[in-house]
Amino acid sequence: MMNTMTLKDLTVAIAVPLEAEHVESIRSAHPAITVLYEPELLPPERFPADHAGDPAFERTPEQEARYWDMLRNAEVLYGFPNENAAGLAKIAASGKVQWIQAMAAGAGGAVKAAKLSETELHSIAVTSSAGVHGLPLAEFAMMGVLNGFKRSAEMAADQAARHWPELRTPTRLASGSNVVITGLGEIGVATARLARALGMNVSGTKRTVEPVDGVDTVTDTAGLPGLLAKADAVINTLPGTPYTEKMINAEIFAAMKPGTVLVNVGRGTVIDEDALLEALDNGQVSYACLDVFAVEPLPESSPLWEHPRVMVSPHTSALSVAENRLIAERFIENLSRFQTGEPLLHVVDPVHFY
């Protein structure tokens, strides 16, 4: 998006909870820009990078009016208003905002849910925090693979039962094994780097088939079944889009080698959970480490909760104490790009919503 405003004209509003030190870092990096930040209008964080803040927080009617007046006076927002799709839709209708820095890596889901008009979709740039979460997600993914290879679920069950097996059971080596990563974006590439460090052979999928450093074979989705025949582990990092919904389904599970370890740090909608349960029961999948689910929070009735070979993580694998600082640093860089008319980093596609 080309911007012809001067630095003095530009106003940024902080719409979500953010530590004062990071607000000051934005101001220090761009002293000519007006940064609006009223912490009393923002819900307190319950934990690091709690972008939505305490759900019990309520503004008075006067505070609510001040909050929206602050946002409507800005051309740039740090975070979606109230950190939800309804807030995005409301501010988009005001007609002034030109760019919003979203907190989530998968911000496309909220943009789609806001049901913006075609005019709004193409007049407001939304940038995600994609890449900020790459390393913690990659580390979590490798933990999931190692849990599966090293039989941690079985050991935990034995420990809980105070059972010392009479026969020793071997575990699998990561070194020399084959891993397939669906989605070789920034998260997938970070995961591939750690997998290679463990001595694994890495292959994966990408919309645009092109060489990726450290990845032996890159194919598109159509080539995925061919990769799975030799895979010991599969790691999904794909976003949730209409094109990826239930992409990992019964047909894909059937193409896997029996005993495959499955990890999902992308979006829950990518995996057909009914097909996954069947694959766990028939042995195609030996272990599944899942940080995301088709419905969140995961319903109490879901059999995934109690499955002996499933780890349920409550969509927390991307969180780290450094997240707010890293997003603020990304925002600072994008502010410079916005002023000079350079392309912004990690713009959400207004058609595919990722």
Protein backbone atom coordinates (compact mmCIF):
# COMPACT_ATOMS: atom_id res chain seq x y z
CA MET A 1 0.00 0.00 0.00
CA MET A 2 1.47 3.33 -1.04
CA ASN A 3 1.26 5.99 1.66
CA THR A 4 1.80 9.68 0.94
CA MET A 5 1.26 10.96 4.48
CA THR A 6 4.08 12.67 6.35
CA LEU A 7 5.42 11.26 9.57
CA LYS A 8 3.86 14.14 11.50
CA ASP A 9 0.42 13.31 10.13
CA LEU A 10 0.46 9.62 11.01
CA THR A 11 -1.35 8.34 14.12
CA VAL A 12 -1.02 4.85 15.56
CA ALA A 13 -3.44 3.51 18.17
CA ILE A 14 -2.62 0.57 20.46
CA ALA A 15 -5.86 -1.44 20.50
CA VAL A 16 -4.77 -4.42 22.61
CA PRO A 17 -2.89 -4.96 25.87
CA LEU A 18 0.80 -4.18 25.52
CA GLU A 19 3.50 -3.51 28.09
CA ALA A 20 4.50 0.15 28.38
CA GLU A 21 8.12 -0.70 27.57
CA HIS A 22 7.11 -1.97 24.13
CA VAL A 23 4.90 1.06 23.51
CA GLU A 24 7.90 3.23 24.32
CA SER A 25 10.08 1.23 21.93
CA ILE A 26 7.60 2.05 19.13
CA ARG A 27 7.63 5.73 20.08
CA SER A 28 11.42 5.82 20.32
CA ALA A 29 11.86 4.20 16.91
CA HIS A 30 9.38 6.62 15.29
CA PRO A 31 9.38 9.81 17.40
CA ALA A 32 7.56 11.87 14.75
CA ILE A 33 4.54 9.55 14.79
CA THR A 34 1.70 10.05 17.27
CA VAL A 35 1.18 6.86 19.28
CA LEU A 36 -2.11 6.68 21.21
CA TYR A 37 -1.96 4.38 24.21
CA GLU A 38 -4.39 4.46 27.11
CA PRO A 39 -3.75 1.40 29.28
CA GLU A 40 -6.82 1.99 31.45
CA LEU A 41 -8.94 1.30 28.36
CA LEU A 42 -7.26 -2.07 27.74
CA PRO A 43 -7.93 -5.33 29.61
CA PRO A 44 -4.95 -6.47 31.72
CA GLU A 45 -2.90 -9.41 30.50
CA ARG A 46 -3.31 -12.63 32.50
CA PHE A 47 -0.11 -14.11 31.08
CA PRO A 48 2.61 -13.02 28.62
CA ALA A 49 1.18 -12.18 25.17
CA ASP A 50 -2.43 -12.39 26.39
CA HIS A 51 -3.62 -10.21 23.53
CA ALA A 52 -7.32 -10.42 24.39
CA GLY A 53 -6.69 -9.73 28.06
CA ASP A 54 -8.85 -10.59 31.05
CA PRO A 55 -12.38 -11.45 29.80
CA ALA A 56 -13.82 -10.11 33.06
CA PHE A 57 -12.63 -6.59 32.18
CA GLU A 58 -15.39 -4.12 31.35
CA ARG A 59 -15.19 -0.50 30.25
CA THR A 60 -17.56 2.08 31.58
CA PRO A 61 -19.74 3.72 28.92
CA GLU A 62 -17.40 6.72 29.03
CA GLN A 63 -14.34 4.49 28.61
CA GLU A 64 -16.00 2.62 25.74
CA ALA A 65 -16.58 5.89 23.91
CA ARG A 66 -12.98 6.97 24.55
CA TYR A 67 -11.65 3.62 23.27
CA TRP A 68 -13.47 3.86 19.96
CA ASP A 69 -12.69 7.57 19.56
CA MET A 70 -8.99 6.73 20.00
CA LEU A 71 -9.15 4.02 17.33
CA ARG A 72 -11.14 6.11 14.87
CA ASN A 73 -8.50 8.85 15.07
CA ALA A 74 -5.75 6.52 13.84
CA GLU A 75 -4.61 5.44 10.40
CA VAL A 76 -2.73 2.47 11.85
CA LEU A 77 -3.83 0.05 14.57
CA TYR A 78 -1.72 -2.26 16.67
CA GLY A 79 -4.10 -5.18 17.12
CA PHE A 80 -7.74 -5.75 16.18
CA PRO A 81 -10.19 -3.73 18.30
CA ASN A 82 -11.14 -5.93 21.27
CA GLU A 83 -8.98 -8.57 19.55
CA ASN A 84 -11.88 -10.04 17.60
CA ALA A 85 -13.51 -10.08 14.16
CA ALA A 86 -16.44 -7.93 15.29
CA GLY A 87 -14.03 -5.21 16.34
CA LEU A 88 -12.29 -5.41 12.98
CA ALA A 89 -15.60 -5.08 11.14
CA LYS A 90 -16.61 -2.07 13.24
CA ILE A 91 -13.39 -0.14 12.73
CA ALA A 92 -13.26 -0.97 9.02
CA ALA A 93 -16.60 0.78 8.59
CA SER A 94 -15.11 4.01 9.94
CA GLY A 95 -13.16 4.44 6.73
CA LYS A 96 -9.96 5.96 8.18
CA VAL A 97 -7.78 3.01 9.14
CA GLN A 98 -5.32 1.96 6.42
CA TRP A 99 -3.31 -0.78 8.11
CA ILE A 100 -3.76 -3.11 11.09
CA GLN A 101 -1.01 -5.18 12.66
CA ALA A 102 -2.67 -8.38 13.89
CA MET A 103 -1.31 -10.29 16.85
CA ALA A 104 -1.99 -13.78 15.47
CA ALA A 105 0.07 -15.64 12.89
CA GLY A 106 -3.17 -17.01 11.49
CA ALA A 107 -4.95 -13.64 11.32
CA GLY A 108 -6.69 -14.58 8.08
CA GLY A 109 -9.39 -16.42 10.00
CA ALA A 110 -10.44 -13.26 11.82
CA VAL A 111 -10.30 -11.21 8.62
CA LYS A 112 -12.58 -13.71 6.91
CA ALA A 113 -14.95 -13.83 9.89
CA ALA A 114 -15.26 -10.03 9.85
CA LYS A 115 -17.03 -10.31 6.47
CA LEU A 116 -15.56 -7.09 5.17
CA SER A 117 -16.75 -5.69 1.87
CA GLU A 118 -14.55 -5.97 -1.20
CA THR A 119 -13.74 -2.27 -0.86
CA GLU A 120 -12.71 -2.69 2.79
CA LEU A 121 -10.64 -5.78 2.06
CA HIS A 122 -8.60 -3.93 -0.53
CA SER A 123 -8.35 -0.60 1.28
CA ILE A 124 -7.12 -1.96 4.62
CA ALA A 125 -3.86 -3.88 4.82
CA VAL A 126 -3.80 -6.46 7.59
CA THR A 127 -0.42 -7.89 8.53
CA SER A 128 -0.02 -10.98 10.67
CA SER A 129 2.65 -11.96 13.15
CA ALA A 130 3.64 -14.95 11.02
CA GLY A 131 7.23 -15.91 11.66
CA VAL A 132 7.29 -14.51 15.19
CA HIS A 133 6.07 -17.88 16.44
CA GLY A 134 8.29 -19.95 14.17
CA LEU A 135 10.88 -21.11 16.70
CA PRO A 136 8.54 -22.02 19.61
CA LEU A 137 6.26 -23.88 17.20
CA ALA A 138 9.23 -25.69 15.66
CA GLU A 139 10.49 -26.71 19.10
CA PHE A 140 7.03 -27.96 20.08
CA ALA A 141 6.75 -29.92 16.83
CA MET A 142 10.04 -31.66 17.47
CA MET A 143 8.95 -32.43 21.03
CA GLY A 144 5.88 -34.11 19.58
CA VAL A 145 7.96 -36.20 17.18
CA LEU A 146 10.36 -37.25 19.93
CA ASN A 147 7.47 -38.09 22.26
CA GLY A 148 6.15 -40.43 19.59
CA PHE A 149 9.52 -41.97 18.81
CA LYS A 150 10.49 -42.40 22.47
CA ARG A 151 7.09 -43.74 23.63
CA SER A 152 6.56 -41.04 26.27
CA ALA A 153 2.80 -41.68 26.47
CA GLU A 154 3.35 -45.36 27.27
CA MET A 155 5.99 -44.53 29.85
CA ALA A 156 3.66 -42.01 31.51
CA ALA A 157 0.90 -44.63 31.67
CA ASP A 158 3.28 -47.16 33.19
CA GLN A 159 4.48 -44.61 35.73
CA ALA A 160 0.91 -43.71 36.71
CA ALA A 161 0.19 -47.43 37.21
CA ARG A 162 3.52 -48.00 39.03
CA HIS A 163 4.17 -50.70 36.44
CA TRP A 164 7.68 -51.83 35.52
CA PRO A 165 7.37 -53.83 32.25
CA GLU A 166 9.00 -57.24 32.31
CA LEU A 167 10.13 -56.84 28.68
CA ARG A 168 12.06 -53.79 27.54
CA THR A 169 10.64 -52.10 24.44
CA PRO A 170 12.98 -50.35 21.98
CA THR A 171 12.39 -46.77 20.86
CA ARG A 172 12.96 -45.19 17.48
CA LEU A 173 15.89 -43.00 16.46
CA ALA A 174 15.24 -39.55 15.10
CA SER A 175 18.55 -39.59 13.25
CA GLY A 176 18.11 -41.19 9.85
CA SER A 177 14.31 -41.13 10.02
CA ASN A 178 12.09 -39.40 7.46
CA VAL A 179 9.84 -36.44 8.29
CA VAL A 180 7.31 -34.75 6.01
CA ILE A 181 6.33 -31.15 6.73
CA THR A 182 3.08 -29.97 5.16
CA GLY A 183 3.51 -26.24 4.64
CA LEU A 184 7.06 -25.01 4.08
CA GLY A 185 6.46 -21.42 5.12
CA GLU A 186 8.41 -19.75 7.90
CA ILE A 187 7.17 -22.17 10.57
CA GLY A 188 7.80 -25.16 8.33
CA VAL A 189 11.31 -23.97 7.45
CA ALA A 190 12.14 -23.38 11.13
CA THR A 191 10.88 -26.89 11.88
CA ALA A 192 12.91 -28.35 9.02
CA ARG A 193 16.04 -26.72 10.42
CA LEU A 194 15.59 -28.39 13.82
CA ALA A 195 14.71 -31.72 12.22
CA ARG A 196 17.89 -31.61 10.17
CA ALA A 197 19.87 -30.84 13.33
CA LEU A 198 18.56 -34.13 14.74
CA GLY A 199 19.77 -35.94 11.63
CA MET A 200 16.35 -36.41 10.05
CA ASN A 201 15.70 -36.53 6.31
CA VAL A 202 13.23 -33.74 5.51
CA SER A 203 10.71 -33.42 2.69
CA GLY A 204 7.57 -31.33 2.45
CA THR A 205 4.88 -29.50 0.53
CA LYS A 206 4.58 -25.94 -0.72
CA ARG A 207 2.00 -24.18 -2.90
CA THR A 208 4.78 -22.93 -5.14
CA VAL A 209 7.16 -25.81 -5.70
CA GLU A 210 10.69 -24.50 -5.38
CA PRO A 211 13.91 -25.56 -3.63
CA VAL A 212 14.00 -24.98 0.13
CA ASP A 213 17.31 -25.00 1.96
CA GLY A 214 17.71 -28.17 4.01
CA VAL A 215 14.70 -29.91 2.46
CA ASP A 216 15.44 -32.89 0.22
CA THR A 217 12.17 -33.01 -1.73
CA VAL A 218 9.55 -30.30 -2.20
CA THR A 219 6.22 -31.04 -3.84
CA ASP A 220 2.72 -29.60 -3.98
CA THR A 221 -0.28 -31.10 -2.19
CA ALA A 222 -0.91 -33.52 -5.05
CA GLY A 223 2.49 -35.08 -4.38
CA LEU A 224 1.90 -35.54 -0.65
CA PRO A 225 0.79 -39.22 -0.77
CA GLY A 226 4.04 -40.13 -2.50
CA LEU A 227 6.06 -38.57 0.32
CA LEU A 228 4.05 -40.28 3.04
CA ALA A 229 4.89 -43.82 1.95
CA LYS A 230 8.34 -43.51 3.53
CA ALA A 231 7.59 -40.99 6.29
CA ASP A 232 8.18 -41.84 9.94
CA ALA A 233 6.64 -38.54 11.07
CA VAL A 234 4.35 -35.91 9.58
CA ILE A 235 4.22 -32.32 10.86
CA ASN A 236 1.44 -30.01 9.73
CA THR A 237 2.07 -26.26 9.76
CA LEU A 238 -0.59 -25.27 7.20
CA PRO A 239 -3.07 -22.46 7.90
CA GLY A 240 -6.80 -22.98 7.91
CA THR A 241 -8.28 -22.05 4.54
CA PRO A 242 -11.04 -23.47 2.33
CA TYR A 243 -8.26 -25.17 0.35
CA THR A 244 -6.72 -26.91 3.36
CA GLU A 245 -9.90 -27.95 5.21
CA LYS A 246 -9.67 -31.68 6.06
CA MET A 247 -6.75 -31.96 3.67
CA ILE A 248 -5.29 -34.65 5.93
CA ASN A 249 -8.17 -37.10 5.60
CA ALA A 250 -8.80 -40.85 5.41
CA GLU A 251 -7.13 -41.06 1.99
CA ILE A 252 -4.02 -39.32 3.27
CA PHE A 253 -3.88 -41.48 6.41
CA ALA A 254 -4.15 -44.58 4.21
CA ALA A 255 -1.10 -43.40 2.27
CA MET A 256 1.00 -43.21 5.45
CA LYS A 257 3.38 -45.89 6.58
CA PRO A 258 1.95 -47.82 9.55
CA GLY A 259 3.15 -46.33 12.83
CA THR A 260 3.57 -42.75 11.60
CA VAL A 261 3.83 -40.02 14.23
CA LEU A 262 1.60 -37.01 13.54
CA VAL A 263 2.06 -33.47 14.88
CA ASN A 264 -0.24 -30.51 14.19
CA VAL A 265 0.93 -26.96 14.92
CA GLY A 266 -0.92 -25.40 11.97
CA ARG A 267 -4.70 -25.23 12.17
CA GLY A 268 -7.09 -27.86 13.47
CA THR A 269 -9.34 -27.71 10.43
CA VAL A 270 -6.56 -29.18 8.26
CA ILE A 271 -7.02 -32.62 9.89
CA ASP A 272 -10.18 -34.71 9.65
CA GLU A 273 -10.40 -35.68 13.32
CA ASP A 274 -12.74 -38.63 12.73
CA ALA A 275 -10.28 -40.03 10.19
CA LEU A 276 -7.43 -39.41 12.63
CA LEU A 277 -9.16 -41.43 15.35
CA GLU A 278 -9.64 -44.29 12.90
CA ALA A 279 -5.97 -44.08 11.87
CA LEU A 280 -4.93 -44.20 15.54
CA ASP A 281 -7.10 -47.25 16.10
CA ASN A 282 -5.85 -49.14 13.04
CA GLY A 283 -2.20 -48.33 13.65
CA GLN A 284 -1.52 -46.05 10.68
CA VAL A 285 -0.78 -43.34 13.26
CA SER A 286 1.10 -44.51 16.35
CA TYR A 287 0.97 -41.19 18.20
CA ALA A 288 -0.54 -37.73 17.63
CA CYS A 289 0.63 -34.50 19.25
CA LEU A 290 -2.04 -31.85 18.65
CA ASP A 291 -1.88 -28.18 19.58
CA VAL A 292 -4.89 -27.15 17.46
CA PHE A 293 -8.35 -28.56 16.83
CA ALA A 294 -11.28 -28.12 14.47
CA VAL A 295 -13.34 -26.69 17.35
CA GLU A 296 -11.66 -24.77 20.16
CA PRO A 297 -11.80 -25.15 23.06
CA LEU A 298 -11.80 -28.86 22.36
CA PRO A 299 -15.28 -30.12 23.38
CA GLU A 300 -15.39 -32.24 26.55
CA SER A 301 -17.08 -34.96 24.50
CA SER A 302 -14.13 -35.34 22.12
CA PRO A 303 -12.52 -38.80 22.36
CA LEU A 304 -9.16 -37.12 21.73
CA TRP A 305 -9.02 -36.07 25.39
CA GLU A 306 -8.75 -39.63 26.67
CA HIS A 307 -7.00 -41.36 23.81
CA PRO A 308 -3.90 -43.07 25.22
CA ARG A 309 -1.73 -42.11 22.26
CA VAL A 310 -2.75 -38.47 21.86
CA MET A 311 -1.27 -35.38 23.47
CA VAL A 312 -3.78 -32.51 23.72
CA SER A 313 -2.20 -29.07 23.99
CA PRO A 314 -4.61 -26.11 24.44
CA HIS A 315 -3.30 -24.07 21.50
CA THR A 316 -0.39 -22.73 23.55
CA SER A 317 2.67 -24.02 21.72
CA ALA A 318 3.40 -20.67 20.08
CA LEU A 319 3.43 -18.70 23.33
CA SER A 320 6.69 -17.41 24.72
CA VAL A 321 7.71 -14.61 27.04
CA ALA A 322 9.40 -12.89 24.09
CA GLU A 323 6.26 -12.74 21.89
CA ASN A 324 5.15 -9.16 22.64
CA ARG A 325 8.67 -7.84 22.09
CA LEU A 326 9.03 -9.69 18.80
CA ILE A 327 5.67 -8.47 17.46
CA ALA A 328 6.52 -4.91 18.48
CA GLU A 329 9.83 -5.18 16.64
CA ARG A 330 8.01 -6.48 13.56
CA PHE A 331 5.58 -3.56 13.82
CA ILE A 332 8.42 -1.06 14.07
CA GLU A 333 9.95 -2.40 10.87
CA ASN A 334 6.61 -2.36 9.08
CA LEU A 335 6.02 1.24 10.18
CA SER A 336 9.16 2.22 8.31
CA ARG A 337 7.95 0.32 5.24
CA PHE A 338 4.50 1.88 5.47
CA GLN A 339 5.98 5.38 5.43
CA THR A 340 8.24 4.76 2.46
CA GLY A 341 5.65 2.84 0.43
CA GLU A 342 7.60 -0.43 0.58
CA PRO A 343 5.65 -3.70 0.71
CA LEU A 344 4.59 -4.61 4.24
CA LEU A 345 5.77 -7.89 5.73
CA HIS A 346 3.25 -10.73 6.06
CA VAL A 347 0.17 -9.13 4.55
CA VAL A 348 -2.94 -11.31 4.86
CA ASP A 349 -4.19 -12.36 1.43
CA PRO A 350 -7.70 -10.82 1.02
CA VAL A 351 -8.77 -13.70 -1.22
CA HIS A 352 -7.32 -16.82 0.42
CA PHE A 353 -7.16 -15.32 3.95
CA TYR A 354 -3.71 -16.45 5.03
